[in-house]
């Protein structure tokens, strides 16, 4: 699995752990729900800007989002 795949898995897990829907994460990040779905399903690679928005939506730092992901 590549970095984007690991990141997708981490985002899905963080969202599931909080019992949030993709809609809820989309609202908190100002991203479209289908974009969140595409990220989680490995159909889209995300930019640093999007990664920062997602981290902020989870109220964590981008470093925490990338923690334990092998580059």
PDB file of N, CA and C in Angstrom:
ATOM      1  N   UNK A   1       0.855  -1.178   0.000  1.00  0.00           N
ATOM      2  CA  UNK A   1       0.000   0.000   0.000  1.00  0.00           C
ATOM      3  C   UNK A   1       0.900   1.240   0.000  1.00  0.00           C
ATOM      4  N   UNK A   2       0.539   2.233  -0.800  1.00  0.00           N
ATOM      5  CA  UNK A   2       1.325   3.465  -0.860  1.00  0.00           C
ATOM      6  C   UNK A   2       0.890   4.436   0.237  1.00  0.00           C
ATOM      7  N   UNK A   3       1.551   5.569   0.288  1.00  0.00           N
ATOM      8  CA  UNK A   3       1.266   6.577   1.313  1.00  0.00           C
ATOM      9  C   UNK A   3      -0.195   7.009   1.267  1.00  0.00           C
ATOM     10  N   UNK A   4      -0.726   7.225   0.061  1.00  0.00           N
ATOM     11  CA  UNK A   4      -2.114   7.672  -0.059  1.00  0.00           C
ATOM     12  C   UNK A   4      -3.083   6.608   0.437  1.00  0.00           C
ATOM     13  N   UNK A   5      -2.757   5.356   0.206  1.00  0.00           N
ATOM     14  CA  UNK A   5      -3.598   4.265   0.696  1.00  0.00           C
ATOM     15  C   UNK A   5      -3.611   4.204   2.211  1.00  0.00           C
ATOM     16  N   UNK A   6      -2.427   4.363   2.820  1.00  0.00           N
ATOM     17  CA  UNK A   6      -2.342   4.372   4.282  1.00  0.00           C
ATOM     18  C   UNK A   6      -3.084   5.577   4.858  1.00  0.00           C
ATOM     19  N   UNK A   7      -2.937   6.715   4.202  1.00  0.00           N
ATOM     20  CA  UNK A   7      -3.617   7.924   4.662  1.00  0.00           C
ATOM     21  C   UNK A   7      -5.132   7.762   4.548  1.00  0.00           C
ATOM     22  N   UNK A   8      -5.592   7.161   3.474  1.00  0.00           N
ATOM     23  CA  UNK A   8      -7.026   6.908   3.286  1.00  0.00           C
ATOM     24  C   UNK A   8      -7.562   6.024   4.408  1.00  0.00           C
ATOM     25  N   UNK A   9      -6.817   4.980   4.741  1.00  0.00           N
ATOM     26  CA  UNK A   9      -7.219   4.073   5.819  1.00  0.00           C
ATOM     27  C   UNK A   9      -7.264   4.806   7.150  1.00  0.00           C
ATOM     28  N   UNK A  10      -6.281   5.662   7.391  1.00  0.00           N
ATOM     29  CA  UNK A  10      -6.226   6.418   8.648  1.00  0.00           C
ATOM     30  C   UNK A  10      -7.410   7.377   8.751  1.00  0.00           C
ATOM     31  N   UNK A  11      -7.735   8.063   7.664  1.00  0.00           N
ATOM     32  CA  UNK A  11      -8.857   8.999   7.669  1.00  0.00           C
ATOM     33  C   UNK A  11     -10.159   8.247   7.942  1.00  0.00           C
ATOM     34  N   UNK A  12     -10.357   7.121   7.272  1.00  0.00           N
ATOM     35  CA  UNK A  12     -11.565   6.318   7.474  1.00  0.00           C
ATOM     36  C   UNK A  12     -11.664   5.850   8.929  1.00  0.00           C
ATOM     37  N   UNK A  13     -10.535   5.408   9.502  1.00  0.00           N
ATOM     38  CA  UNK A  13     -10.536   4.935  10.888  1.00  0.00           C
ATOM     39  C   UNK A  13     -10.842   6.069  11.862  1.00  0.00           C
ATOM     40  N   UNK A  14     -10.202   7.213  11.677  1.00  0.00           N
ATOM     41  CA  UNK A  14     -10.474   8.352  12.557  1.00  0.00           C
ATOM     42  C   UNK A  14     -11.944   8.755  12.493  1.00  0.00           C
ATOM     43  N   UNK A  15     -12.489   8.758  11.292  1.00  0.00           N
ATOM     44  CA  UNK A  15     -13.898   9.122  11.122  1.00  0.00           C
ATOM     45  C   UNK A  15     -14.801   8.091  11.795  1.00  0.00           C
ATOM     46  N   UNK A  16     -14.508   6.825  11.580  1.00  0.00           N
ATOM     47  CA  UNK A  16     -15.316   5.753  12.171  1.00  0.00           C
ATOM     48  C   UNK A  16     -15.219   5.750  13.692  1.00  0.00           C
ATOM     49  N   UNK A  17     -14.016   5.978  14.219  1.00  0.00           N
ATOM     50  CA  UNK A  17     -13.828   6.021  15.673  1.00  0.00           C
ATOM     51  C   UNK A  17     -14.675   7.111  16.319  1.00  0.00           C
ATOM     52  N   UNK A  18     -14.903   8.180  15.579  1.00  0.00           N
ATOM     53  CA  UNK A  18     -15.726   9.283  16.094  1.00  0.00           C
ATOM     54  C   UNK A  18     -17.210   9.088  15.774  1.00  0.00           C
ATOM     55  N   UNK A  19     -17.504   8.016  15.064  1.00  0.00           N
ATOM     56  CA  UNK A  19     -18.869   7.703  14.631  1.00  0.00           C
ATOM     57  C   UNK A  19     -19.458   8.831  13.788  1.00  0.00           C
ATOM     58  N   UNK A  20     -18.616   9.386  12.919  1.00  0.00           N
ATOM     59  CA  UNK A  20     -19.038  10.434  11.993  1.00  0.00           C
ATOM     60  C   UNK A  20     -19.350   9.813  10.644  1.00  0.00           C
ATOM     61  N   UNK A  21     -20.318  10.359   9.990  1.00  0.00           N
ATOM     62  CA  UNK A  21     -20.578   9.994   8.598  1.00  0.00           C
ATOM     63  C   UNK A  21     -19.594  10.766   7.714  1.00  0.00           C
ATOM     64  N   UNK A  22     -19.520  10.365   6.467  1.00  0.00           N
ATOM     65  CA  UNK A  22     -18.708  11.136   5.515  1.00  0.00           C
ATOM     66  C   UNK A  22     -19.279  12.542   5.391  1.00  0.00           C
ATOM     67  N   UNK A  23     -20.583  12.649   5.493  1.00  0.00           N
ATOM     68  CA  UNK A  23     -21.244  13.956   5.437  1.00  0.00           C
ATOM     69  C   UNK A  23     -20.756  14.861   6.572  1.00  0.00           C
ATOM     70  N   UNK A  24     -20.634  14.296   7.777  1.00  0.00           N
ATOM     71  CA  UNK A  24     -20.162  15.073   8.931  1.00  0.00           C
ATOM     72  C   UNK A  24     -18.724  15.544   8.715  1.00  0.00           C
ATOM     73  N   UNK A  25     -17.868  14.655   8.255  1.00  0.00           N
ATOM     74  CA  UNK A  25     -16.481  15.050   7.995  1.00  0.00           C
ATOM     75  C   UNK A  25     -16.422  16.096   6.888  1.00  0.00           C
ATOM     76  N   UNK A  26     -17.232  15.933   5.872  1.00  0.00           N
ATOM     77  CA  UNK A  26     -17.281  16.915   4.781  1.00  0.00           C
ATOM     78  C   UNK A  26     -17.671  18.292   5.321  1.00  0.00           C
ATOM     79  N   UNK A  27     -18.667  18.330   6.188  1.00  0.00           N
ATOM     80  CA  UNK A  27     -19.112  19.592   6.790  1.00  0.00           C
ATOM     81  C   UNK A  27     -17.976  20.235   7.598  1.00  0.00           C
ATOM     82  N   UNK A  28     -17.284  19.427   8.389  1.00  0.00           N
ATOM     83  CA  UNK A  28     -16.227  19.944   9.258  1.00  0.00           C
ATOM     84  C   UNK A  28     -14.988  20.393   8.484  1.00  0.00           C
ATOM     85  N   UNK A  29     -14.826  19.910   7.260  1.00  0.00           N
ATOM     86  CA  UNK A  29     -13.639  20.233   6.464  1.00  0.00           C
ATOM     87  C   UNK A  29     -13.933  21.160   5.296  1.00  0.00           C
ATOM     88  N   UNK A  30     -15.198  21.457   5.078  1.00  0.00           N
ATOM     89  CA  UNK A  30     -15.627  22.269   3.938  1.00  0.00           C
ATOM     90  C   UNK A  30     -15.224  21.612   2.611  1.00  0.00           C
ATOM     91  N   UNK A  31     -15.337  20.274   2.590  1.00  0.00           N
ATOM     92  CA  UNK A  31     -15.096  19.497   1.380  1.00  0.00           C
ATOM     93  C   UNK A  31     -16.389  18.777   1.020  1.00  0.00           C
ATOM     94  N   UNK A  32     -16.527  18.362  -0.207  1.00  0.00           N
ATOM     95  CA  UNK A  32     -17.737  17.663  -0.636  1.00  0.00           C
ATOM     96  C   UNK A  32     -17.698  16.214  -0.153  1.00  0.00           C
ATOM     97  N   UNK A  33     -18.853  15.668   0.196  1.00  0.00           N
ATOM     98  CA  UNK A  33     -18.930  14.303   0.696  1.00  0.00           C
ATOM     99  C   UNK A  33     -18.361  13.295  -0.293  1.00  0.00           C
ATOM    100  N   UNK A  34     -18.633  13.483  -1.578  1.00  0.00           N
ATOM    101  CA  UNK A  34     -18.107  12.528  -2.560  1.00  0.00           C
ATOM    102  C   UNK A  34     -16.585  12.615  -2.651  1.00  0.00           C
ATOM    103  N   UNK A  35     -16.031  13.784  -2.398  1.00  0.00           N
ATOM    104  CA  UNK A  35     -14.573  13.926  -2.388  1.00  0.00           C
ATOM    105  C   UNK A  35     -13.982  13.131  -1.223  1.00  0.00           C
ATOM    106  N   UNK A  36     -14.629  13.214  -0.060  1.00  0.00           N
ATOM    107  CA  UNK A  36     -14.206  12.422   1.102  1.00  0.00           C
ATOM    108  C   UNK A  36     -14.270  10.938   0.752  1.00  0.00           C
ATOM    109  N   UNK A  37     -15.342  10.524   0.124  1.00  0.00           N
ATOM    110  CA  UNK A  37     -15.500   9.126  -0.286  1.00  0.00           C
ATOM    111  C   UNK A  37     -14.384   8.697  -1.228  1.00  0.00           C
ATOM    112  N   UNK A  38     -14.077   9.532  -2.200  1.00  0.00           N
ATOM    113  CA  UNK A  38     -13.015   9.206  -3.154  1.00  0.00           C
ATOM    114  C   UNK A  38     -11.654   9.103  -2.461  1.00  0.00           C
ATOM    115  N   UNK A  39     -11.408   9.951  -1.493  1.00  0.00           N
ATOM    116  CA  UNK A  39     -10.154   9.880  -0.734  1.00  0.00           C
ATOM    117  C   UNK A  39     -10.093   8.560   0.030  1.00  0.00           C
ATOM    118  N   UNK A  40     -11.166   8.250   0.766  1.00  0.00           N
ATOM    119  CA  UNK A  40     -11.187   7.038   1.580  1.00  0.00           C
ATOM    120  C   UNK A  40     -11.111   5.765   0.742  1.00  0.00           C
ATOM    121  N   UNK A  41     -11.579   5.818  -0.469  1.00  0.00           N
ATOM    122  CA  UNK A  41     -11.566   4.639  -1.338  1.00  0.00           C
ATOM    123  C   UNK A  41     -10.357   4.599  -2.271  1.00  0.00           C
ATOM    124  N   UNK A  42      -9.422   5.522  -2.070  1.00  0.00           N
ATOM    125  CA  UNK A  42      -8.193   5.517  -2.846  1.00  0.00           C
ATOM    126  C   UNK A  42      -8.349   5.971  -4.285  1.00  0.00           C
ATOM    127  N   UNK A  43      -9.447   6.647  -4.585  1.00  0.00           N
ATOM    128  CA  UNK A  43      -9.674   7.131  -5.950  1.00  0.00           C
ATOM    129  C   UNK A  43      -9.081   8.513  -6.185  1.00  0.00           C
ATOM    130  N   UNK A  44      -8.715   9.202  -5.095  1.00  0.00           N
ATOM    131  CA  UNK A  44      -8.127  10.541  -5.200  1.00  0.00           C
ATOM    132  C   UNK A  44      -6.907  10.622  -4.303  1.00  0.00           C
ATOM    133  N   UNK A  45      -5.877  11.257  -4.787  1.00  0.00           N
ATOM    134  CA  UNK A  45      -4.723  11.582  -3.966  1.00  0.00           C
ATOM    135  C   UNK A  45      -4.942  13.002  -3.460  1.00  0.00           C
ATOM    136  N   UNK A  46      -4.587  13.245  -2.215  1.00  0.00           N
ATOM    137  CA  UNK A  46      -4.896  14.552  -1.652  1.00  0.00           C
ATOM    138  C   UNK A  46      -3.663  15.445  -1.610  1.00  0.00           C
ATOM    139  N   UNK A  47      -3.929  16.731  -1.683  1.00  0.00           N
ATOM    140  CA  UNK A  47      -2.868  17.734  -1.599  1.00  0.00           C
ATOM    141  C   UNK A  47      -2.558  18.013  -0.130  1.00  0.00           C
ATOM    142  N   UNK A  48      -1.477  18.719   0.098  1.00  0.00           N
ATOM    143  CA  UNK A  48      -1.121  19.125   1.455  1.00  0.00           C
ATOM    144  C   UNK A  48      -2.225  20.012   2.027  1.00  0.00           C
ATOM    145  N   UNK A  49      -2.774  20.892   1.201  1.00  0.00           N
ATOM    146  CA  UNK A  49      -3.852  21.776   1.655  1.00  0.00           C
ATOM    147  C   UNK A  49      -5.058  20.967   2.124  1.00  0.00           C
ATOM    148  N   UNK A  50      -5.446  19.962   1.364  1.00  0.00           N
ATOM    149  CA  UNK A  50      -6.587  19.123   1.739  1.00  0.00           C
ATOM    150  C   UNK A  50      -6.270  18.327   2.996  1.00  0.00           C
ATOM    151  N   UNK A  51      -5.050  17.815   3.100  1.00  0.00           N
ATOM    152  CA  UNK A  51      -4.650  17.081   4.295  1.00  0.00           C
ATOM    153  C   UNK A  51      -4.762  17.980   5.527  1.00  0.00           C
ATOM    154  N   UNK A  52      -4.369  19.242   5.393  1.00  0.00           N
ATOM    155  CA  UNK A  52      -4.474  20.191   6.504  1.00  0.00           C
ATOM    156  C   UNK A  52      -5.929  20.443   6.877  1.00  0.00           C
ATOM    157  N   UNK A  53      -6.809  20.564   5.887  1.00  0.00           N
ATOM    158  CA  UNK A  53      -8.241  20.752   6.156  1.00  0.00           C
ATOM    159  C   UNK A  53      -8.811  19.553   6.903  1.00  0.00           C
ATOM    160  N   UNK A  54      -8.418  18.361   6.476  1.00  0.00           N
ATOM    161  CA  UNK A  54      -8.923  17.146   7.117  1.00  0.00           C
ATOM    162  C   UNK A  54      -8.403  17.049   8.548  1.00  0.00           C
ATOM    163  N   UNK A  55      -7.130  17.330   8.749  1.00  0.00           N
ATOM    164  CA  UNK A  55      -6.566  17.318  10.102  1.00  0.00           C
ATOM    165  C   UNK A  55      -7.309  18.311  10.992  1.00  0.00           C
ATOM    166  N   UNK A  56      -7.537  19.504  10.480  1.00  0.00           N
ATOM    167  CA  UNK A  56      -8.261  20.524  11.250  1.00  0.00           C
ATOM    168  C   UNK A  56      -9.675  20.053  11.569  1.00  0.00           C
ATOM    169  N   UNK A  57     -10.318  19.389  10.615  1.00  0.00           N
ATOM    170  CA  UNK A  57     -11.658  18.851  10.852  1.00  0.00           C
ATOM    171  C   UNK A  57     -11.689  17.851  11.998  1.00  0.00           C
ATOM    172  N   UNK A  58     -10.610  17.082  12.138  1.00  0.00           N
ATOM    173  CA  UNK A  58     -10.495  16.119  13.236  1.00  0.00           C
ATOM    174  C   UNK A  58      -9.941  16.767  14.507  1.00  0.00           C
ATOM    175  N   UNK A  59      -9.579  18.045  14.437  1.00  0.00           N
ATOM    176  CA  UNK A  59      -8.979  18.779  15.550  1.00  0.00           C
ATOM    177  C   UNK A  59      -7.652  18.149  15.974  1.00  0.00           C
ATOM    178  N   UNK A  60      -6.857  17.784  14.961  1.00  0.00           N
ATOM    179  CA  UNK A  60      -5.511  17.274  15.184  1.00  0.00           C
ATOM    180  C   UNK A  60      -4.568  18.011  14.234  1.00  0.00           C
ATOM    181  N   UNK A  61      -3.279  17.839  14.438  1.00  0.00           N
ATOM    182  CA  UNK A  61      -2.310  18.464  13.540  1.00  0.00           C
ATOM    183  C   UNK A  61      -2.084  17.563  12.325  1.00  0.00           C
ATOM    184  N   UNK A  62      -1.601  18.131  11.225  1.00  0.00           N
ATOM    185  CA  UNK A  62      -1.247  17.288  10.082  1.00  0.00           C
ATOM    186  C   UNK A  62      -0.216  16.217  10.456  1.00  0.00           C
ATOM    187  N   UNK A  63       0.690  16.551  11.373  1.00  0.00           N
ATOM    188  CA  UNK A  63       1.679  15.566  11.829  1.00  0.00           C
ATOM    189  C   UNK A  63       1.009  14.384  12.512  1.00  0.00           C
ATOM    190  N   UNK A  64      -0.007  14.662  13.312  1.00  0.00           N
ATOM    191  CA  UNK A  64      -0.744  13.582  13.973  1.00  0.00           C
ATOM    192  C   UNK A  64      -1.488  12.733  12.948  1.00  0.00           C
ATOM    193  N   UNK A  65      -1.998  13.373  11.909  1.00  0.00           N
ATOM    194  CA  UNK A  65      -2.689  12.634  10.855  1.00  0.00           C
ATOM    195  C   UNK A  65      -1.721  11.695  10.144  1.00  0.00           C
ATOM    196  N   UNK A  66      -0.486  12.133   9.954  1.00  0.00           N
ATOM    197  CA  UNK A  66       0.517  11.330   9.249  1.00  0.00           C
ATOM    198  C   UNK A  66       1.267  10.359  10.165  1.00  0.00           C
ATOM    199  N   UNK A  67       1.031  10.474  11.468  1.00  0.00           N
ATOM    200  CA  UNK A  67       1.734   9.623  12.428  1.00  0.00           C
ATOM    201  C   UNK A  67       1.521   8.148  12.099  1.00  0.00           C
ATOM    202  N   UNK A  68       2.576   7.379  12.194  1.00  0.00           N
ATOM    203  CA  UNK A  68       2.570   5.929  11.946  1.00  0.00           C
ATOM    204  C   UNK A  68       2.421   5.558  10.477  1.00  0.00           C
ATOM    205  N   UNK A  69       2.464   6.526   9.579  1.00  0.00           N
ATOM    206  CA  UNK A  69       2.404   6.235   8.145  1.00  0.00           C
ATOM    207  C   UNK A  69       3.828   6.248   7.612  1.00  0.00           C
ATOM    208  N   UNK A  70       4.234   5.135   7.050  1.00  0.00           N
ATOM    209  CA  UNK A  70       5.582   5.007   6.507  1.00  0.00           C
ATOM    210  C   UNK A  70       5.664   5.700   5.154  1.00  0.00           C
ATOM    211  N   UNK A  71       6.634   6.582   5.000  1.00  0.00           N
ATOM    212  CA  UNK A  71       6.824   7.277   3.730  1.00  0.00           C
ATOM    213  C   UNK A  71       7.741   6.498   2.819  1.00  0.00           C
TER     214      UNK A  71
END
